[in-house]
C-alpha atoms as a PDB file:
ATOM      1  CA  UNK A   1      58.513  72.514  66.297  1.00  0.00           C
ATOM      2  CA  UNK A   2      58.601  75.244  68.902  1.00  0.00           C
ATOM      3  CA  UNK A   3      58.296  74.343  72.583  1.00  0.00           C
ATOM      4  CA  UNK A   4      55.887  76.571  74.516  1.00  0.00           C
ATOM      5  CA  UNK A   5      54.365  76.795  77.968  1.00  0.00           C
ATOM      6  CA  UNK A   6      51.124  78.418  79.144  1.00  0.00           C
ATOM      7  CA  UNK A   7      51.530  81.619  81.141  1.00  0.00           C
ATOM      8  CA  UNK A   8      49.464  80.515  84.198  1.00  0.00           C
ATOM      9  CA  UNK A   9      51.957  77.669  84.743  1.00  0.00           C
ATOM     10  CA  UNK A  10      54.935  80.028  85.032  1.00  0.00           C
ATOM     11  CA  UNK A  11      55.667  82.157  88.114  1.00  0.00           C
ATOM     12  CA  UNK A  12      56.250  85.857  87.593  1.00  0.00           C
ATOM     13  CA  UNK A  13      54.559  89.205  88.045  1.00  0.00           C
ATOM     14  CA  UNK A  14      54.626  90.077  84.348  1.00  0.00           C
ATOM     15  CA  UNK A  15      54.708  88.446  80.925  1.00  0.00           C
ATOM     16  CA  UNK A  16      58.314  89.576  80.635  1.00  0.00           C
ATOM     17  CA  UNK A  17      59.320  87.825  83.862  1.00  0.00           C
ATOM     18  CA  UNK A  18      57.557  84.645  82.760  1.00  0.00           C
ATOM     19  CA  UNK A  19      59.245  84.736  79.350  1.00  0.00           C
ATOM     20  CA  UNK A  20      62.686  85.249  80.893  1.00  0.00           C
ATOM     21  CA  UNK A  21      62.187  82.200  83.117  1.00  0.00           C
ATOM     22  CA  UNK A  22      61.059  80.077  80.183  1.00  0.00           C
ATOM     23  CA  UNK A  23      64.108  81.138  78.180  1.00  0.00           C
ATOM     24  CA  UNK A  24      66.395  79.883  80.967  1.00  0.00           C
ATOM     25  CA  UNK A  25      64.421  76.643  81.206  1.00  0.00           C
ATOM     26  CA  UNK A  26      64.724  75.697  77.546  1.00  0.00           C
ATOM     27  CA  UNK A  27      61.502  76.991  75.996  1.00  0.00           C
ATOM     28  CA  UNK A  28      61.049  78.889  72.741  1.00  0.00           C
ATOM     29  CA  UNK A  29      57.636  80.387  73.269  1.00  0.00           C
ATOM     30  CA  UNK A  30      54.904  81.529  75.631  1.00  0.00           C
ATOM     31  CA  UNK A  31      51.169  80.913  75.301  1.00  0.00           C
ATOM     32  CA  UNK A  32      49.428  83.836  76.969  1.00  0.00           C
ATOM     33  CA  UNK A  33      46.186  83.233  78.861  1.00  0.00           C
ATOM     34  CA  UNK A  34      45.485  86.673  80.284  1.00  0.00           C
ATOM     35  CA  UNK A  35      42.682  87.719  82.662  1.00  0.00           C
ATOM     36  CA  UNK A  36      40.280  90.072  80.909  1.00  0.00           C
ATOM     37  CA  UNK A  37      40.058  92.278  84.014  1.00  0.00           C
ATOM     38  CA  UNK A  38      43.836  92.899  83.865  1.00  0.00           C
ATOM     39  CA  UNK A  39      44.048  93.487  80.112  1.00  0.00           C
ATOM     40  CA  UNK A  40      45.052  97.031  79.151  1.00  0.00           C
ATOM     41  CA  UNK A  41      47.173  98.986  76.662  1.00  0.00           C
ATOM     42  CA  UNK A  42      50.291  98.604  78.769  1.00  0.00           C
ATOM     43  CA  UNK A  43      50.057  94.813  78.818  1.00  0.00           C
ATOM     44  CA  UNK A  44      49.330  94.838  75.100  1.00  0.00           C
ATOM     45  CA  UNK A  45      52.515  96.837  74.424  1.00  0.00           C
ATOM     46  CA  UNK A  46      54.476  94.447  76.633  1.00  0.00           C
ATOM     47  CA  UNK A  47      53.107  91.515  74.640  1.00  0.00           C
ATOM     48  CA  UNK A  48      53.796  93.096  71.248  1.00  0.00           C
ATOM     49  CA  UNK A  49      57.472  93.683  72.122  1.00  0.00           C
ATOM     50  CA  UNK A  50      57.980  90.470  74.117  1.00  0.00           C
ATOM     51  CA  UNK A  51      59.932  88.473  71.539  1.00  0.00           C
ATOM     52  CA  UNK A  52      62.193  91.416  70.678  1.00  0.00           C
ATOM     53  CA  UNK A  53      63.084  91.951  74.329  1.00  0.00           C
ATOM     54  CA  UNK A  54      63.306  88.361  75.613  1.00  0.00           C
ATOM     55  CA  UNK A  55      63.777  86.087  72.611  1.00  0.00           C
ATOM     56  CA  UNK A  56      60.626  84.199  73.625  1.00  0.00           C
ATOM     57  CA  UNK A  57      57.858  84.281  71.062  1.00  0.00           C
ATOM     58  CA  UNK A  58      54.160  84.647  71.956  1.00  0.00           C
ATOM     59  CA  UNK A  59      52.453  81.849  70.020  1.00  0.00           C
ATOM     60  CA  UNK A  60      48.944  81.847  71.501  1.00  0.00           C
ATOM     61  CA  UNK A  61      46.743  84.507  73.041  1.00  0.00           C
ATOM     62  CA  UNK A  62      43.512  83.978  74.950  1.00  0.00           C
ATOM     63  CA  UNK A  63      41.584  86.328  77.225  1.00  0.00           C
ATOM     64  CA  UNK A  64      40.125  84.501  80.219  1.00  0.00           C
ATOM     65  CA  UNK A  65      37.113  85.464  82.296  1.00  0.00           C
ATOM     66  CA  UNK A  66      34.057  83.871  83.845  1.00  0.00           C
ATOM     67  CA  UNK A  67      32.226  84.764  80.645  1.00  0.00           C
ATOM     68  CA  UNK A  68      34.556  82.555  78.579  1.00  0.00           C
ATOM     69  CA  UNK A  69      32.800  79.726  76.739  1.00  0.00           C
ATOM     70  CA  UNK A  70      29.488  81.545  76.324  1.00  0.00           C
ATOM     71  CA  UNK A  71      29.722  82.584  72.667  1.00  0.00           C
ATOM     72  CA  UNK A  72      26.664  80.469  71.825  1.00  0.00           C
ATOM     73  CA  UNK A  73      24.784  81.082  75.073  1.00  0.00           C
ATOM     74  CA  UNK A  74      21.014  81.613  74.848  1.00  0.00           C
ATOM     75  CA  UNK A  75      21.488  84.554  77.220  1.00  0.00           C
ATOM     76  CA  UNK A  76      21.952  87.573  74.925  1.00  0.00           C
ATOM     77  CA  UNK A  77      24.053  89.581  77.390  1.00  0.00           C
ATOM     78  CA  UNK A  78      26.439  86.730  78.197  1.00  0.00           C
ATOM     79  CA  UNK A  79      26.716  85.864  74.520  1.00  0.00           C
ATOM     80  CA  UNK A  80      27.546  89.456  73.544  1.00  0.00           C
ATOM     81  CA  UNK A  81      30.144  89.901  76.287  1.00  0.00           C
ATOM     82  CA  UNK A  82      31.856  86.623  75.441  1.00  0.00           C
ATOM     83  CA  UNK A  83      31.931  87.380  71.733  1.00  0.00           C
ATOM     84  CA  UNK A  84      33.395  90.822  72.341  1.00  0.00           C
ATOM     85  CA  UNK A  85      36.183  89.202  74.378  1.00  0.00           C
ATOM     86  CA  UNK A  86      36.908  86.662  71.610  1.00  0.00           C
ATOM     87  CA  UNK A  87      36.990  89.411  69.004  1.00  0.00           C
ATOM     88  CA  UNK A  88      39.454  91.409  71.102  1.00  0.00           C
ATOM     89  CA  UNK A  89      41.698  88.342  71.400  1.00  0.00           C
ATOM     90  CA  UNK A  90      41.517  87.878  67.635  1.00  0.00           C
ATOM     91  CA  UNK A  91      42.596  91.493  67.095  1.00  0.00           C
ATOM     92  CA  UNK A  92      45.707  90.841  69.181  1.00  0.00           C
ATOM     93  CA  UNK A  93      46.451  87.721  67.146  1.00  0.00           C
ATOM     94  CA  UNK A  94      46.113  89.713  63.948  1.00  0.00           C
ATOM     95  CA  UNK A  95      48.617  92.252  65.261  1.00  0.00           C
ATOM     96  CA  UNK A  96      51.306  89.837  66.458  1.00  0.00           C
ATOM     97  CA  UNK A  97      50.672  86.861  64.173  1.00  0.00           C
ATOM     98  CA  UNK A  98      49.695  84.289  66.752  1.00  0.00           C
ATOM     99  CA  UNK A  99      46.742  81.946  67.322  1.00  0.00           C
ATOM    100  CA  UNK A 100      43.660  82.017  69.480  1.00  0.00           C
ATOM    101  CA  UNK A 101      40.875  79.460  69.784  1.00  0.00           C
ATOM    102  CA  UNK A 102      37.130  79.167  70.135  1.00  0.00           C
ATOM    103  CA  UNK A 103      34.800  76.366  71.179  1.00  0.00           C
ATOM    104  CA  UNK A 104      31.061  75.976  70.845  1.00  0.00           C
ATOM    105  CA  UNK A 105      30.868  76.127  74.643  1.00  0.00           C
ATOM    106  CA  UNK A 106      33.193  75.587  77.574  1.00  0.00           C
ATOM    107  CA  UNK A 107      32.532  74.747  81.195  1.00  0.00           C
ATOM    108  CA  UNK A 108      31.434  71.888  83.429  1.00  0.00           C
ATOM    109  CA  UNK A 109      28.364  70.139  82.042  1.00  0.00           C
ATOM    110  CA  UNK A 110      25.300  69.673  84.240  1.00  0.00           C
ATOM    111  CA  UNK A 111      24.021  67.020  84.015  1.00  0.00           C
ATOM    112  CA  UNK A 112      27.124  65.072  83.093  1.00  0.00           C
ATOM    113  CA  UNK A 113      26.790  63.232  79.763  1.00  0.00           C
ATOM    114  CA  UNK A 114      27.431  59.825  81.315  1.00  0.00           C
ATOM    115  CA  UNK A 115      25.546  57.757  78.760  1.00  0.00           C
ATOM    116  CA  UNK A 116      25.156  60.135  75.816  1.00  0.00           C
ATOM    117  CA  UNK A 117      28.598  61.017  74.432  1.00  0.00           C
ATOM    118  CA  UNK A 118      29.311  62.604  71.068  1.00  0.00           C
ATOM    119  CA  UNK A 119      26.201  64.727  70.861  1.00  0.00           C
ATOM    120  CA  UNK A 120      25.762  66.360  67.464  1.00  0.00           C
ATOM    121  CA  UNK A 121      24.894  69.936  66.583  1.00  0.00           C
ATOM    122  CA  UNK A 122      21.654  70.259  64.674  1.00  0.00           C
ATOM    123  CA  UNK A 123      21.532  72.174  61.408  1.00  0.00           C
ATOM    124  CA  UNK A 124      20.554  75.439  63.077  1.00  0.00           C
ATOM    125  CA  UNK A 125      23.277  75.226  65.715  1.00  0.00           C
ATOM    126  CA  UNK A 126      25.846  74.410  63.062  1.00  0.00           C
ATOM    127  CA  UNK A 127      24.847  77.385  60.933  1.00  0.00           C
ATOM    128  CA  UNK A 128      24.937  79.768  63.898  1.00  0.00           C
ATOM    129  CA  UNK A 129      28.343  78.539  65.044  1.00  0.00           C
ATOM    130  CA  UNK A 130      29.811  78.793  61.547  1.00  0.00           C
ATOM    131  CA  UNK A 131      28.452  82.348  61.238  1.00  0.00           C
ATOM    132  CA  UNK A 132      30.170  83.322  64.480  1.00  0.00           C
ATOM    133  CA  UNK A 133      33.383  81.556  63.506  1.00  0.00           C
ATOM    134  CA  UNK A 134      33.471  83.501  60.237  1.00  0.00           C
ATOM    135  CA  UNK A 135      32.924  86.740  62.175  1.00  0.00           C
ATOM    136  CA  UNK A 136      36.025  86.076  64.292  1.00  0.00           C
ATOM    137  CA  UNK A 137      38.026  84.896  61.279  1.00  0.00           C
ATOM    138  CA  UNK A 138      37.282  88.195  59.528  1.00  0.00           C
ATOM    139  CA  UNK A 139      39.368  89.962  62.199  1.00  0.00           C
ATOM    140  CA  UNK A 140      42.512  87.984  61.315  1.00  0.00           C
ATOM    141  CA  UNK A 141      41.919  87.680  57.576  1.00  0.00           C
ATOM    142  CA  UNK A 142      44.950  88.801  55.566  1.00  0.00           C
ATOM    143  CA  UNK A 143      47.279  88.510  58.590  1.00  0.00           C
ATOM    144  CA  UNK A 144      49.376  85.633  60.000  1.00  0.00           C
ATOM    145  CA  UNK A 145      46.917  85.365  62.903  1.00  0.00           C
ATOM    146  CA  UNK A 146      44.681  82.324  63.078  1.00  0.00           C
ATOM    147  CA  UNK A 147      41.508  81.329  64.905  1.00  0.00           C
ATOM    148  CA  UNK A 148      41.510  77.648  65.768  1.00  0.00           C
ATOM    149  CA  UNK A 149      38.928  75.074  66.776  1.00  0.00           C
ATOM    150  CA  UNK A 150      39.842  73.036  69.852  1.00  0.00           C
ATOM    151  CA  UNK A 151      38.003  69.738  70.401  1.00  0.00           C
ATOM    152  CA  UNK A 152      36.948  69.669  74.066  1.00  0.00           C
ATOM    153  CA  UNK A 153      35.974  66.611  76.095  1.00  0.00           C
ATOM    154  CA  UNK A 154      32.311  65.785  76.713  1.00  0.00           C
ATOM    155  CA  UNK A 155      32.435  66.863  80.375  1.00  0.00           C
ATOM    156  CA  UNK A 156      33.273  70.456  79.393  1.00  0.00           C
ATOM    157  CA  UNK A 157      31.436  70.774  76.065  1.00  0.00           C
ATOM    158  CA  UNK A 158      28.451  68.876  74.716  1.00  0.00           C
ATOM    159  CA  UNK A 159      29.489  69.134  71.099  1.00  0.00           C
ATOM    160  CA  UNK A 160      32.457  68.893  68.726  1.00  0.00           C
ATOM    161  CA  UNK A 161      34.358  66.556  71.025  1.00  0.00           C
ATOM    162  CA  UNK A 162      36.094  64.631  68.234  1.00  0.00           C
ATOM    163  CA  UNK A 163      38.705  65.822  65.782  1.00  0.00           C
ATOM    164  CA  UNK A 164      36.489  64.627  62.919  1.00  0.00           C
ATOM    165  CA  UNK A 165      33.582  66.818  64.085  1.00  0.00           C
ATOM    166  CA  UNK A 166      35.811  69.883  64.059  1.00  0.00           C
ATOM    167  CA  UNK A 167      37.261  69.046  60.665  1.00  0.00           C
ATOM    168  CA  UNK A 168      33.716  69.146  59.279  1.00  0.00           C
ATOM    169  CA  UNK A 169      33.349  72.722  60.578  1.00  0.00           C
ATOM    170  CA  UNK A 170      36.712  73.663  59.071  1.00  0.00           C
ATOM    171  CA  UNK A 171      35.618  72.223  55.729  1.00  0.00           C
ATOM    172  CA  UNK A 172      32.427  74.260  55.899  1.00  0.00           C
ATOM    173  CA  UNK A 173      34.125  77.596  56.655  1.00  0.00           C
ATOM    174  CA  UNK A 174      36.932  76.952  54.139  1.00  0.00           C
ATOM    175  CA  UNK A 175      39.003  79.883  55.422  1.00  0.00           C
ATOM    176  CA  UNK A 176      42.817  80.158  55.180  1.00  0.00           C
ATOM    177  CA  UNK A 177      43.074  81.459  58.762  1.00  0.00           C
ATOM    178  CA  UNK A 178      41.034  78.573  60.206  1.00  0.00           C
ATOM    179  CA  UNK A 179      42.712  75.418  61.534  1.00  0.00           C
ATOM    180  CA  UNK A 180      42.700  72.816  64.304  1.00  0.00           C
ATOM    181  CA  UNK A 181      44.124  72.829  67.831  1.00  0.00           C
ATOM    182  CA  UNK A 182      44.297  69.256  69.168  1.00  0.00           C
ATOM    183  CA  UNK A 183      44.675  68.956  72.943  1.00  0.00           C
ATOM    184  CA  UNK A 184      46.174  65.665  74.067  1.00  0.00           C
ATOM    185  CA  UNK A 185      44.341  65.682  77.422  1.00  0.00           C
ATOM    186  CA  UNK A 186      40.941  66.073  75.774  1.00  0.00           C
ATOM    187  CA  UNK A 187      41.939  63.544  73.107  1.00  0.00           C
ATOM    188  CA  UNK A 188      42.842  61.006  75.800  1.00  0.00           C
ATOM    189  CA  UNK A 189      39.166  60.991  76.791  1.00  0.00           C
ATOM    190  CA  UNK A 190      37.505  61.203  73.386  1.00  0.00           C
ATOM    191  CA  UNK A 191      39.808  59.636  70.797  1.00  0.00           C
ATOM    192  CA  UNK A 192      40.409  55.887  70.559  1.00  0.00           C
ATOM    193  CA  UNK A 193      43.849  56.661  69.103  1.00  0.00           C
ATOM    194  CA  UNK A 194      45.160  60.235  69.568  1.00  0.00           C
ATOM    195  CA  UNK A 195      48.039  59.705  67.122  1.00  0.00           C
ATOM    196  CA  UNK A 196      45.651  58.457  64.418  1.00  0.00           C
ATOM    197  CA  UNK A 197      43.398  61.469  65.023  1.00  0.00           C
ATOM    198  CA  UNK A 198      46.374  63.791  64.512  1.00  0.00           C
ATOM    199  CA  UNK A 199      47.292  62.024  61.288  1.00  0.00           C
ATOM    200  CA  UNK A 200      43.697  62.332  60.063  1.00  0.00           C
ATOM    201  CA  UNK A 201      43.854  66.110  60.537  1.00  0.00           C
ATOM    202  CA  UNK A 202      47.124  66.408  58.627  1.00  0.00           C
ATOM    203  CA  UNK A 203      48.188  69.911  57.668  1.00  0.00           C
ATOM    204  CA  UNK A 204      45.117  71.423  59.317  1.00  0.00           C
ATOM    205  CA  UNK A 205      46.858  71.105  62.699  1.00  0.00           C
ATOM    206  CA  UNK A 206      48.219  74.567  63.529  1.00  0.00           C
ATOM    207  CA  UNK A 207      48.964  74.359  67.267  1.00  0.00           C
ATOM    208  CA  UNK A 208      48.938  71.618  69.925  1.00  0.00           C
ATOM    209  CA  UNK A 209      48.162  71.592  73.650  1.00  0.00           C
ATOM    210  CA  UNK A 210      50.110  69.061  75.705  1.00  0.00           C
ATOM    211  CA  UNK A 211      48.921  67.389  78.893  1.00  0.00           C
ATOM    212  CA  UNK A 212      48.918  63.746  79.878  1.00  0.00           C
ATOM    213  CA  UNK A 213      45.687  61.775  80.337  1.00  0.00           C
ATOM    214  CA  UNK A 214      45.561  62.913  83.992  1.00  0.00           C
ATOM    215  CA  UNK A 215      46.352  66.498  82.958  1.00  0.00           C
ATOM    216  CA  UNK A 216      49.807  66.246  84.465  1.00  0.00           C
ATOM    217  CA  UNK A 217      53.033  66.956  82.614  1.00  0.00           C
ATOM    218  CA  UNK A 218      53.780  64.711  79.614  1.00  0.00           C
ATOM    219  CA  UNK A 219      55.288  61.437  80.781  1.00  0.00           C
ATOM    220  CA  UNK A 220      53.470  61.491  84.126  1.00  0.00           C
ATOM    221  CA  UNK A 221      50.423  59.572  82.850  1.00  0.00           C
ATOM    222  CA  UNK A 222      49.753  56.825  80.359  1.00  0.00           C
ATOM    223  CA  UNK A 223      49.670  58.570  76.964  1.00  0.00           C
ATOM    224  CA  UNK A 224      52.002  57.189  74.290  1.00  0.00           C
ATOM    225  CA  UNK A 225      54.117  60.264  73.608  1.00  0.00           C
ATOM    226  CA  UNK A 226      56.347  58.493  71.117  1.00  0.00           C
ATOM    227  CA  UNK A 227      53.335  57.801  68.891  1.00  0.00           C
ATOM    228  CA  UNK A 228      51.883  61.305  69.352  1.00  0.00           C
ATOM    229  CA  UNK A 229      55.116  63.046  68.357  1.00  0.00           C
ATOM    230  CA  UNK A 230      55.622  60.477  65.634  1.00  0.00           C
ATOM    231  CA  UNK A 231      52.270  61.520  64.170  1.00  0.00           C
ATOM    232  CA  UNK A 232      53.220  65.206  64.408  1.00  0.00           C
ATOM    233  CA  UNK A 233      56.438  64.504  62.537  1.00  0.00           C
ATOM    234  CA  UNK A 234      54.535  62.435  59.974  1.00  0.00           C
ATOM    235  CA  UNK A 235      52.194  65.309  59.091  1.00  0.00           C
ATOM    236  CA  UNK A 236      55.090  67.755  58.899  1.00  0.00           C
ATOM    237  CA  UNK A 237      53.912  69.822  61.850  1.00  0.00           C
ATOM    238  CA  UNK A 238      56.232  72.781  62.521  1.00  0.00           C
ATOM    239  CA  UNK A 239      54.098  74.897  64.856  1.00  0.00           C
ATOM    240  CA  UNK A 240      54.159  75.136  68.647  1.00  0.00           C
ATOM    241  CA  UNK A 241      53.530  72.328  71.112  1.00  0.00           C
ATOM    242  CA  UNK A 242      52.325  74.059  74.247  1.00  0.00           C
ATOM    243  CA  UNK A 243      52.117  72.735  77.792  1.00  0.00           C
ATOM    244  CA  UNK A 244      48.634  73.284  79.217  1.00  0.00           C
ATOM    245  CA  UNK A 245      48.527  71.180  82.369  1.00  0.00           C
ATOM    246  CA  UNK A 246      49.656  71.018  85.996  1.00  0.00           C
ATOM    247  CA  UNK A 247      53.271  71.854  86.789  1.00  0.00           C
ATOM    248  CA  UNK A 248      53.274  69.187  89.568  1.00  0.00           C
ATOM    249  CA  UNK A 249      55.241  71.075  92.155  1.00  0.00           C
ATOM    250  CA  UNK A 250      57.967  73.667  91.760  1.00  0.00           C
ATOM    251  CA  UNK A 251      57.891  74.833  88.126  1.00  0.00           C
ATOM    252  CA  UNK A 252      61.557  75.864  88.386  1.00  0.00           C
ATOM    253  CA  UNK A 253      62.285  72.143  88.754  1.00  0.00           C
ATOM    254  CA  UNK A 254      59.563  70.410  86.752  1.00  0.00           C
ATOM    255  CA  UNK A 255      59.424  72.687  83.704  1.00  0.00           C
ATOM    256  CA  UNK A 256      63.152  72.461  82.825  1.00  0.00           C
ATOM    257  CA  UNK A 257      63.002  68.665  83.218  1.00  0.00           C
ATOM    258  CA  UNK A 258      59.925  68.514  80.983  1.00  0.00           C
ATOM    259  CA  UNK A 259      61.613  70.696  78.372  1.00  0.00           C
ATOM    260  CA  UNK A 260      64.525  68.271  78.253  1.00  0.00           C
ATOM    261  CA  UNK A 261      62.155  65.311  77.838  1.00  0.00           C
ATOM    262  CA  UNK A 262      60.132  66.990  75.108  1.00  0.00           C
ATOM    263  CA  UNK A 263      63.207  68.184  73.199  1.00  0.00           C
ATOM    264  CA  UNK A 264      64.160  64.541  72.717  1.00  0.00           C
ATOM    265  CA  UNK A 265      60.724  63.791  71.244  1.00  0.00           C
ATOM    266  CA  UNK A 266      60.821  66.887  69.051  1.00  0.00           C
ATOM    267  CA  UNK A 267      64.252  65.923  67.773  1.00  0.00           C
ATOM    268  CA  UNK A 268      63.286  62.398  66.725  1.00  0.00           C
END
């Protein structure tokens, strides 16, 4: 397994500066979450050459903007702008052989689904989402790039909250560049047993987001990290486990300590 950290968690004025810090702190890789408004050819060139120059591999690429999470919006303009952003991210992944992800929707739900969890897509919604997923997958087809489904908790997405729901979509698209991105924070809300959910996904797990149940660094909540990493070892996972959570203070202190803790779990 490779150990990665999300770019917003790392101080630095550039991707290069962030990667150099991560290298010193014991990380193999960087997951890049880049603001759409700051994305340009210069940043793309920096990203493409990042591993060669720093030894830190980009393993995930996502463009972020207020329009994110609107790929299935009923508003035609918002839907088109979001989809264009996702397609651009997929083109980067095709070029550098990394992963990106999509969700049916993303953002705070209003009203909150207090008493109606695990809402299901109807047949029409499912067909429309699969059509869009295939459109994004076409961008990375024939390359090492992959477009992943990330199960999101009910408070940020009405649908596809469980690993099993997302596996059904993966079965339907049946595409070699499609796979699953489990996020341990979201799983702590939705899955009765996160480790069992990982085992059920097996070799369809291509990338993992790490955050404890309180979205703090692993080990600072109540998730059973021994069982989670045990499940990853059991399925033969050899991709990147990526921190996507709070740094809880000075990242120059907390991120090296977390790397040391996670290396022990990776090595077991």
